[in-house]
Amino acid sequence: MPPTTCLRLDALSSTPGELRVTVNGRELATFGSYGYGEPTIMFPADPYAFADIHPGTHVTVTVTPSYVTGPWMVGMIEDGSGYP
């Protein structure tokens, strides 16, 4: 059974390029932006991908931008909606 709390990713890039997100060295997502000022991309992370990470555990989140020449952001928030 998937956890009732999920991780949600929000990403925004003002210029074309890619943002690769890893947690503890494991790839979580790669966001691709192909235009200027595109809307925020949001999706829940795979609820099974990090089942061994428990509340209170310290993790290392790395965002690696490629070909992005302007401002960008990636946010990770806890989503208690129970998705999926």
PDB file of N, CA and C in Angstrom:
ATOM      1  N   MET A   1       0.852  -1.173   0.000  1.00  0.00           N
ATOM      2  CA  MET A   1       0.000   0.000   0.000  1.00  0.00           C
ATOM      3  C   MET A   1       0.896   1.234   0.000  1.00  0.00           C
ATOM      4  N   PRO A   2       0.598   2.221  -0.873  1.00  0.00           N
ATOM      5  CA  PRO A   2       1.423   3.425  -0.900  1.00  0.00           C
ATOM      6  C   PRO A   2       1.235   4.245   0.362  1.00  0.00           C
ATOM      7  N   PRO A   3       2.222   5.050   0.702  1.00  0.00           N
ATOM      8  CA  PRO A   3       2.082   5.917   1.868  1.00  0.00           C
ATOM      9  C   PRO A   3       0.954   6.910   1.669  1.00  0.00           C
ATOM     10  N   THR A   4       0.376   7.408   2.775  1.00  0.00           N
ATOM     11  CA  THR A   4      -0.712   8.375   2.663  1.00  0.00           C
ATOM     12  C   THR A   4      -0.191   9.796   2.471  1.00  0.00           C
ATOM     13  N   THR A   5       1.085  10.014   2.705  1.00  0.00           N
ATOM     14  CA  THR A   5       1.701  11.313   2.468  1.00  0.00           C
ATOM     15  C   THR A   5       2.685  11.165   1.327  1.00  0.00           C
ATOM     16  N   CYS A   6       2.589  12.051   0.350  1.00  0.00           N
ATOM     17  CA  CYS A   6       3.436  11.967  -0.828  1.00  0.00           C
ATOM     18  C   CYS A   6       4.306  13.217  -0.929  1.00  0.00           C
ATOM     19  N   LEU A   7       5.320  13.101  -1.730  1.00  0.00           N
ATOM     20  CA  LEU A   7       6.185  14.222  -2.040  1.00  0.00           C
ATOM     21  C   LEU A   7       5.692  14.808  -3.349  1.00  0.00           C
ATOM     22  N   ARG A   8       5.518  16.125  -3.400  1.00  0.00           N
ATOM     23  CA  ARG A   8       5.123  16.768  -4.646  1.00  0.00           C
ATOM     24  C   ARG A   8       6.243  17.697  -5.079  1.00  0.00           C
ATOM     25  N   LEU A   9       6.519  17.693  -6.365  1.00  0.00           N
ATOM     26  CA  LEU A   9       7.549  18.562  -6.925  1.00  0.00           C
ATOM     27  C   LEU A   9       6.900  19.675  -7.717  1.00  0.00           C
ATOM     28  N   ASP A  10       7.408  20.879  -7.560  1.00  0.00           N
ATOM     29  CA  ASP A  10       7.000  22.019  -8.369  1.00  0.00           C
ATOM     30  C   ASP A  10       8.262  22.546  -9.030  1.00  0.00           C
ATOM     31  N   ALA A  11       8.214  22.801 -10.335  1.00  0.00           N
ATOM     32  CA  ALA A  11       9.382  23.326 -11.034  1.00  0.00           C
ATOM     33  C   ALA A  11       8.960  24.453 -11.963  1.00  0.00           C
ATOM     34  N   LEU A  12       9.824  25.427 -12.099  1.00  0.00           N
ATOM     35  CA  LEU A  12       9.572  26.559 -12.978  1.00  0.00           C
ATOM     36  C   LEU A  12      10.907  27.031 -13.541  1.00  0.00           C
ATOM     37  N   SER A  13      10.940  27.246 -14.829  1.00  0.00           N
ATOM     38  CA  SER A  13      12.131  27.789 -15.467  1.00  0.00           C
ATOM     39  C   SER A  13      11.700  28.917 -16.385  1.00  0.00           C
ATOM     40  N   SER A  14      12.415  30.035 -16.345  1.00  0.00           N
ATOM     41  CA  SER A  14      12.056  31.165 -17.193  1.00  0.00           C
ATOM     42  C   SER A  14      12.668  31.053 -18.586  1.00  0.00           C
ATOM     43  N   THR A  15      13.581  30.093 -18.780  1.00  0.00           N
ATOM     44  CA  THR A  15      14.214  29.887 -20.082  1.00  0.00           C
ATOM     45  C   THR A  15      14.245  28.389 -20.398  1.00  0.00           C
ATOM     46  N   PRO A  16      14.436  28.029 -21.660  1.00  0.00           N
ATOM     47  CA  PRO A  16      14.507  26.613 -22.016  1.00  0.00           C
ATOM     48  C   PRO A  16      15.670  25.909 -21.323  1.00  0.00           C
ATOM     49  N   GLY A  17      15.496  24.607 -21.107  1.00  0.00           N
ATOM     50  CA  GLY A  17      16.547  23.789 -20.525  1.00  0.00           C
ATOM     51  C   GLY A  17      15.962  22.663 -19.701  1.00  0.00           C
ATOM     52  N   GLU A  18      16.823  21.988 -18.949  1.00  0.00           N
ATOM     53  CA  GLU A  18      16.404  20.874 -18.109  1.00  0.00           C
ATOM     54  C   GLU A  18      16.863  21.071 -16.675  1.00  0.00           C
ATOM     55  N   LEU A  19      16.071  20.567 -15.738  1.00  0.00           N
ATOM     56  CA  LEU A  19      16.409  20.556 -14.320  1.00  0.00           C
ATOM     57  C   LEU A  19      16.306  19.107 -13.858  1.00  0.00           C
ATOM     58  N   ARG A  20      17.433  18.536 -13.446  1.00  0.00           N
ATOM     59  CA  ARG A  20      17.459  17.155 -12.977  1.00  0.00           C
ATOM     60  C   ARG A  20      17.491  17.163 -11.452  1.00  0.00           C
ATOM     61  N   VAL A  21      16.572  16.436 -10.827  1.00  0.00           N
ATOM     62  CA  VAL A  21      16.458  16.408  -9.371  1.00  0.00           C
ATOM     63  C   VAL A  21      16.829  15.022  -8.864  1.00  0.00           C
ATOM     64  N   THR A  22      17.787  14.976  -7.932  1.00  0.00           N
ATOM     65  CA  THR A  22      18.144  13.717  -7.284  1.00  0.00           C
ATOM     66  C   THR A  22      17.999  13.875  -5.775  1.00  0.00           C
ATOM     67  N   VAL A  23      17.668  12.769  -5.114  1.00  0.00           N
ATOM     68  CA  VAL A  23      17.587  12.721  -3.656  1.00  0.00           C
ATOM     69  C   VAL A  23      18.503  11.594  -3.200  1.00  0.00           C
ATOM     70  N   ASN A  24      19.480  11.935  -2.372  1.00  0.00           N
ATOM     71  CA  ASN A  24      20.484  10.971  -1.919  1.00  0.00           C
ATOM     72  C   ASN A  24      21.124  10.240  -3.092  1.00  0.00           C
ATOM     73  N   GLY A  25      21.332  10.966  -4.199  1.00  0.00           N
ATOM     74  CA  GLY A  25      22.003  10.397  -5.359  1.00  0.00           C
ATOM     75  C   GLY A  25      21.103   9.609  -6.300  1.00  0.00           C
ATOM     76  N   ARG A  26      19.846   9.415  -5.952  1.00  0.00           N
ATOM     77  CA  ARG A  26      18.909   8.678  -6.819  1.00  0.00           C
ATOM     78  C   ARG A  26      18.041   9.665  -7.578  1.00  0.00           C
ATOM     79  N   GLU A  27      17.942   9.462  -8.888  1.00  0.00           N
ATOM     80  CA  GLU A  27      17.162  10.395  -9.697  1.00  0.00           C
ATOM     81  C   GLU A  27      15.686  10.325  -9.348  1.00  0.00           C
ATOM     82  N   LEU A  28      15.106  11.485  -9.131  1.00  0.00           N
ATOM     83  CA  LEU A  28      13.691  11.593  -8.815  1.00  0.00           C
ATOM     84  C   LEU A  28      12.917  12.072 -10.033  1.00  0.00           C
ATOM     85  N   ALA A  29      13.454  13.073 -10.742  1.00  0.00           N
ATOM     86  CA  ALA A  29      12.736  13.630 -11.892  1.00  0.00           C
ATOM     87  C   ALA A  29      13.677  14.465 -12.743  1.00  0.00           C
ATOM     88  N   THR A  30      13.315  14.600 -14.012  1.00  0.00           N
ATOM     89  CA  THR A  30      13.953  15.558 -14.906  1.00  0.00           C
ATOM     90  C   THR A  30      12.847  16.379 -15.547  1.00  0.00           C
ATOM     91  N   PHE A  31      12.911  17.687 -15.356  1.00  0.00           N
ATOM     92  CA  PHE A  31      11.933  18.601 -15.926  1.00  0.00           C
ATOM     93  C   PHE A  31      12.527  19.213 -17.184  1.00  0.00           C
ATOM     94  N   GLY A  32      11.759  19.238 -18.257  1.00  0.00           N
ATOM     95  CA  GLY A  32      12.205  19.875 -19.489  1.00  0.00           C
ATOM     96  C   GLY A  32      11.331  21.067 -19.806  1.00  0.00           C
ATOM     97  N   SER A  33      11.955  22.188 -20.083  1.00  0.00           N
ATOM     98  CA  SER A  33      11.246  23.404 -20.457  1.00  0.00           C
ATOM     99  C   SER A  33      11.722  23.791 -21.849  1.00  0.00           C
ATOM    100  N   TYR A  34      10.777  24.036 -22.742  1.00  0.00           N
ATOM    101  CA  TYR A  34      11.154  24.298 -24.133  1.00  0.00           C
ATOM    102  C   TYR A  34      10.758  25.686 -24.610  1.00  0.00           C
ATOM    103  N   GLY A  35      10.341  26.526 -23.686  1.00  0.00           N
ATOM    104  CA  GLY A  35       9.949  27.878 -24.054  1.00  0.00           C
ATOM    105  C   GLY A  35      10.340  28.857 -22.967  1.00  0.00           C
ATOM    106  N   TYR A  36       9.931  30.080 -23.126  1.00  0.00           N
ATOM    107  CA  TYR A  36      10.254  31.130 -22.165  1.00  0.00           C
ATOM    108  C   TYR A  36       9.039  31.415 -21.285  1.00  0.00           C
ATOM    109  N   GLY A  37       9.246  31.418 -19.964  1.00  0.00           N
ATOM    110  CA  GLY A  37       8.182  31.738 -19.027  1.00  0.00           C
ATOM    111  C   GLY A  37       7.051  30.724 -19.012  1.00  0.00           C
ATOM    112  N   GLU A  38       7.364  29.451 -19.232  1.00  0.00           N
ATOM    113  CA  GLU A  38       6.333  28.413 -19.215  1.00  0.00           C
ATOM    114  C   GLU A  38       5.766  28.272 -17.806  1.00  0.00           C
ATOM    115  N   PRO A  39       4.529  27.787 -17.706  1.00  0.00           N
ATOM    116  CA  PRO A  39       3.924  27.648 -16.375  1.00  0.00           C
ATOM    117  C   PRO A  39       4.636  26.588 -15.536  1.00  0.00           C
ATOM    118  N   THR A  40       4.383  26.653 -14.249  1.00  0.00           N
ATOM    119  CA  THR A  40       4.971  25.696 -13.313  1.00  0.00           C
ATOM    120  C   THR A  40       4.526  24.286 -13.660  1.00  0.00           C
ATOM    121  N   ILE A  41       5.460  23.358 -13.559  1.00  0.00           N
ATOM    122  CA  ILE A  41       5.175  21.946 -13.765  1.00  0.00           C
ATOM    123  C   ILE A  41       5.053  21.324 -12.382  1.00  0.00           C
ATOM    124  N   MET A  42       3.957  20.610 -12.120  1.00  0.00           N
ATOM    125  CA  MET A  42       3.766  20.001 -10.809  1.00  0.00           C
ATOM    126  C   MET A  42       3.358  18.554 -10.993  1.00  0.00           C
ATOM    127  N   PHE A  43       3.937  17.656 -10.221  1.00  0.00           N
ATOM    128  CA  PHE A  43       3.470  16.281 -10.210  1.00  0.00           C
ATOM    129  C   PHE A  43       3.950  15.596  -8.950  1.00  0.00           C
ATOM    130  N   PRO A  44       3.196  14.582  -8.508  1.00  0.00           N
ATOM    131  CA  PRO A  44       3.637  13.835  -7.330  1.00  0.00           C
ATOM    132  C   PRO A  44       4.774  12.897  -7.687  1.00  0.00           C
ATOM    133  N   ALA A  45       5.700  12.733  -6.792  1.00  0.00           N
ATOM    134  CA  ALA A  45       6.789  11.780  -6.990  1.00  0.00           C
ATOM    135  C   ALA A  45       6.262  10.369  -6.786  1.00  0.00           C
ATOM    136  N   ASP A  46       6.942   9.408  -7.339  1.00  0.00           N
ATOM    137  CA  ASP A  46       6.584   7.994  -7.166  1.00  0.00           C
ATOM    138  C   ASP A  46       6.553   7.669  -5.681  1.00  0.00           C
ATOM    139  N   PRO A  47       5.415   7.233  -5.137  1.00  0.00           N
ATOM    140  CA  PRO A  47       5.333   7.002  -3.693  1.00  0.00           C
ATOM    141  C   PRO A  47       6.197   5.843  -3.206  1.00  0.00           C
ATOM    142  N   TYR A  48       6.667   5.003  -4.122  1.00  0.00           N
ATOM    143  CA  TYR A  48       7.507   3.865  -3.733  1.00  0.00           C
ATOM    144  C   TYR A  48       9.001   4.154  -3.889  1.00  0.00           C
ATOM    145  N   ALA A  49       9.348   5.221  -4.599  1.00  0.00           N
ATOM    146  CA  ALA A  49      10.750   5.477  -4.930  1.00  0.00           C
ATOM    147  C   ALA A  49      11.625   5.683  -3.696  1.00  0.00           C
ATOM    148  N   PHE A  50      11.059   6.247  -2.648  1.00  0.00           N
ATOM    149  CA  PHE A  50      11.855   6.568  -1.470  1.00  0.00           C
ATOM    150  C   PHE A  50      11.208   6.028  -0.208  1.00  0.00           C
ATOM    151  N   ALA A  51      10.697   4.813  -0.311  1.00  0.00           N
ATOM    152  CA  ALA A  51      10.002   4.191   0.827  1.00  0.00           C
ATOM    153  C   ALA A  51      10.914   4.014   2.034  1.00  0.00           C
ATOM    154  N   ASP A  52      12.231   3.972   1.805  1.00  0.00           N
ATOM    155  CA  ASP A  52      13.170   3.784   2.914  1.00  0.00           C
ATOM    156  C   ASP A  52      13.521   5.099   3.611  1.00  0.00           C
ATOM    157  N   ILE A  53      12.986   6.214   3.142  1.00  0.00           N
ATOM    158  CA  ILE A  53      13.216   7.509   3.781  1.00  0.00           C
ATOM    159  C   ILE A  53      12.013   7.803   4.669  1.00  0.00           C
ATOM    160  N   HIS A  54      12.261   7.901   5.951  1.00  0.00           N
ATOM    161  CA  HIS A  54      11.190   8.077   6.918  1.00  0.00           C
ATOM    162  C   HIS A  54      11.157   9.516   7.434  1.00  0.00           C
ATOM    163  N   PRO A  55      10.023   9.969   7.954  1.00  0.00           N
ATOM    164  CA  PRO A  55       9.936  11.328   8.494  1.00  0.00           C
ATOM    165  C   PRO A  55      11.065  11.601   9.489  1.00  0.00           C
ATOM    166  N   GLY A  56      11.671  12.761   9.349  1.00  0.00           N
ATOM    167  CA  GLY A  56      12.767  13.156  10.224  1.00  0.00           C
ATOM    168  C   GLY A  56      14.134  12.783   9.692  1.00  0.00           C
ATOM    169  N   THR A  57      14.192  11.973   8.631  1.00  0.00           N
ATOM    170  CA  THR A  57      15.463  11.568   8.038  1.00  0.00           C
ATOM    171  C   THR A  57      16.040  12.727   7.239  1.00  0.00           C
ATOM    172  N   HIS A  58      17.323  13.008   7.417  1.00  0.00           N
ATOM    173  CA  HIS A  58      17.983  14.037   6.619  1.00  0.00           C
ATOM    174  C   HIS A  58      18.319  13.461   5.253  1.00  0.00           C
ATOM    175  N   VAL A  59      18.056  14.236   4.219  1.00  0.00           N
ATOM    176  CA  VAL A  59      18.352  13.827   2.852  1.00  0.00           C
ATOM    177  C   VAL A  59      19.120  14.936   2.145  1.00  0.00           C
ATOM    178  N   THR A  60      19.799  14.560   1.075  1.00  0.00           N
ATOM    179  CA  THR A  60      20.487  15.529   0.237  1.00  0.00           C
ATOM    180  C   THR A  60      19.729  15.639  -1.076  1.00  0.00           C
ATOM    181  N   VAL A  61      19.224  16.836  -1.355  1.00  0.00           N
ATOM    182  CA  VAL A  61      18.506  17.095  -2.599  1.00  0.00           C
ATOM    183  C   VAL A  61      19.440  17.898  -3.495  1.00  0.00           C
ATOM    184  N   THR A  62      19.636  17.417  -4.724  1.00  0.00           N
ATOM    185  CA  THR A  62      20.510  18.094  -5.680  1.00  0.00           C
ATOM    186  C   THR A  62      19.711  18.409  -6.931  1.00  0.00           C
ATOM    187  N   VAL A  63      19.798  19.659  -7.387  1.00  0.00           N
ATOM    188  CA  VAL A  63      19.184  20.063  -8.643  1.00  0.00           C
ATOM    189  C   VAL A  63      20.316  20.441  -9.584  1.00  0.00           C
ATOM    190  N   THR A  64      20.367  19.763 -10.740  1.00  0.00           N
ATOM    191  CA  THR A  64      21.411  20.025 -11.728  1.00  0.00           C
ATOM    192  C   THR A  64      20.770  20.650 -12.962  1.00  0.00           C
ATOM    193  N   PRO A  65      21.003  21.947 -13.188  1.00  0.00           N
ATOM    194  CA  PRO A  65      20.438  22.584 -14.380  1.00  0.00           C
ATOM    195  C   PRO A  65      21.318  22.325 -15.603  1.00  0.00           C
ATOM    196  N   SER A  66      20.675  22.130 -16.742  1.00  0.00           N
ATOM    197  CA  SER A  66      21.389  21.975 -18.021  1.00  0.00           C
ATOM    198  C   SER A  66      20.763  22.904 -19.044  1.00  0.00           C
ATOM    199  N   TYR A  67      21.583  23.737 -19.655  1.00  0.00           N
ATOM    200  CA  TYR A  67      21.166  24.633 -20.736  1.00  0.00           C
ATOM    201  C   TYR A  67      20.200  25.723 -20.277  1.00  0.00           C
ATOM    202  N   VAL A  68      19.988  25.869 -18.979  1.00  0.00           N
ATOM    203  CA  VAL A  68      19.103  26.908 -18.453  1.00  0.00           C
ATOM    204  C   VAL A  68      19.938  28.167 -18.268  1.00  0.00           C
ATOM    205  N   THR A  69      19.494  29.267 -18.868  1.00  0.00           N
ATOM    206  CA  THR A  69      20.289  30.494 -18.793  1.00  0.00           C
ATOM    207  C   THR A  69      19.647  31.576 -17.932  1.00  0.00           C
ATOM    208  N   GLY A  70      18.448  31.326 -17.450  1.00  0.00           N
ATOM    209  CA  GLY A  70      17.751  32.307 -16.629  1.00  0.00           C
ATOM    210  C   GLY A  70      17.346  31.720 -15.292  1.00  0.00           C
ATOM    211  N   PRO A  71      16.553  32.460 -14.519  1.00  0.00           N
ATOM    212  CA  PRO A  71      16.120  31.990 -13.205  1.00  0.00           C
ATOM    213  C   PRO A  71      15.271  30.722 -13.302  1.00  0.00           C
ATOM    214  N   TRP A  72      15.406  29.881 -12.287  1.00  0.00           N
ATOM    215  CA  TRP A  72      14.616  28.649 -12.182  1.00  0.00           C
ATOM    216  C   TRP A  72      14.415  28.324 -10.719  1.00  0.00           C
ATOM    217  N   MET A  73      13.455  27.441 -10.438  1.00  0.00           N
ATOM    218  CA  MET A  73      13.235  26.983  -9.065  1.00  0.00           C
ATOM    219  C   MET A  73      12.659  25.580  -9.092  1.00  0.00           C
ATOM    220  N   VAL A  74      12.966  24.827  -8.046  1.00  0.00           N
ATOM    221  CA  VAL A  74      12.354  23.523  -7.811  1.00  0.00           C
ATOM    222  C   VAL A  74      11.967  23.483  -6.354  1.00  0.00           C
ATOM    223  N   GLY A  75      10.731  23.133  -6.077  1.00  0.00           N
ATOM    224  CA  GLY A  75      10.252  23.023  -4.708  1.00  0.00           C
ATOM    225  C   GLY A  75       9.751  21.619  -4.446  1.00  0.00           C
ATOM    226  N   MET A  76      10.004  21.131  -3.258  1.00  0.00           N
ATOM    227  CA  MET A  76       9.506  19.823  -2.836  1.00  0.00           C
ATOM    228  C   MET A  76       8.654  20.055  -1.599  1.00  0.00           C
ATOM    229  N   ILE A  77       7.416  19.629  -1.657  1.00  0.00           N
ATOM    230  CA  ILE A  77       6.546  19.807  -0.509  1.00  0.00           C
ATOM    231  C   ILE A  77       5.849  18.497  -0.182  1.00  0.00           C
ATOM    232  N   GLU A  78       5.461  18.352   1.062  1.00  0.00           N
ATOM    233  CA  GLU A  78       4.720  17.189   1.491  1.00  0.00           C
ATOM    234  C   GLU A  78       3.260  17.408   1.143  1.00  0.00           C
ATOM    235  N   ASP A  79       2.672  16.427   0.486  1.00  0.00           N
ATOM    236  CA  ASP A  79       1.276  16.505   0.057  1.00  0.00           C
ATOM    237  C   ASP A  79       0.503  15.424   0.777  1.00  0.00           C
ATOM    238  N   GLY A  80      -0.314  15.811   1.730  1.00  0.00           N
ATOM    239  CA  GLY A  80      -1.068  14.849   2.525  1.00  0.00           C
ATOM    240  C   GLY A  80      -2.376  14.423   1.897  1.00  0.00           C
ATOM    241  N   SER A  81      -2.529  14.622   0.596  1.00  0.00           N
ATOM    242  CA  SER A  81      -3.799  14.308  -0.048  1.00  0.00           C
ATOM    243  C   SER A  81      -4.033  12.811  -0.203  1.00  0.00           C
ATOM    244  N   GLY A  82      -2.982  12.002  -0.037  1.00  0.00           N
ATOM    245  CA  GLY A  82      -3.141  10.576  -0.205  1.00  0.00           C
ATOM    246  C   GLY A  82      -2.994  10.111  -1.636  1.00  0.00           C
ATOM    247  N   TYR A  83      -2.641  11.025  -2.541  1.00  0.00           N
ATOM    248  CA  TYR A  83      -2.424  10.635  -3.944  1.00  0.00           C
ATOM    249  C   TYR A  83      -1.335   9.591  -3.986  1.00  0.00           C
ATOM    250  N   PRO A  84      -1.364   8.573  -4.777  1.00  0.00           N
ATOM    251  CA  PRO A  84      -2.324   8.325  -5.844  1.00  0.00           C
ATOM    252  C   PRO A  84      -3.518   7.598  -5.367  1.00  0.00           C
TER     253      PRO A  84
END
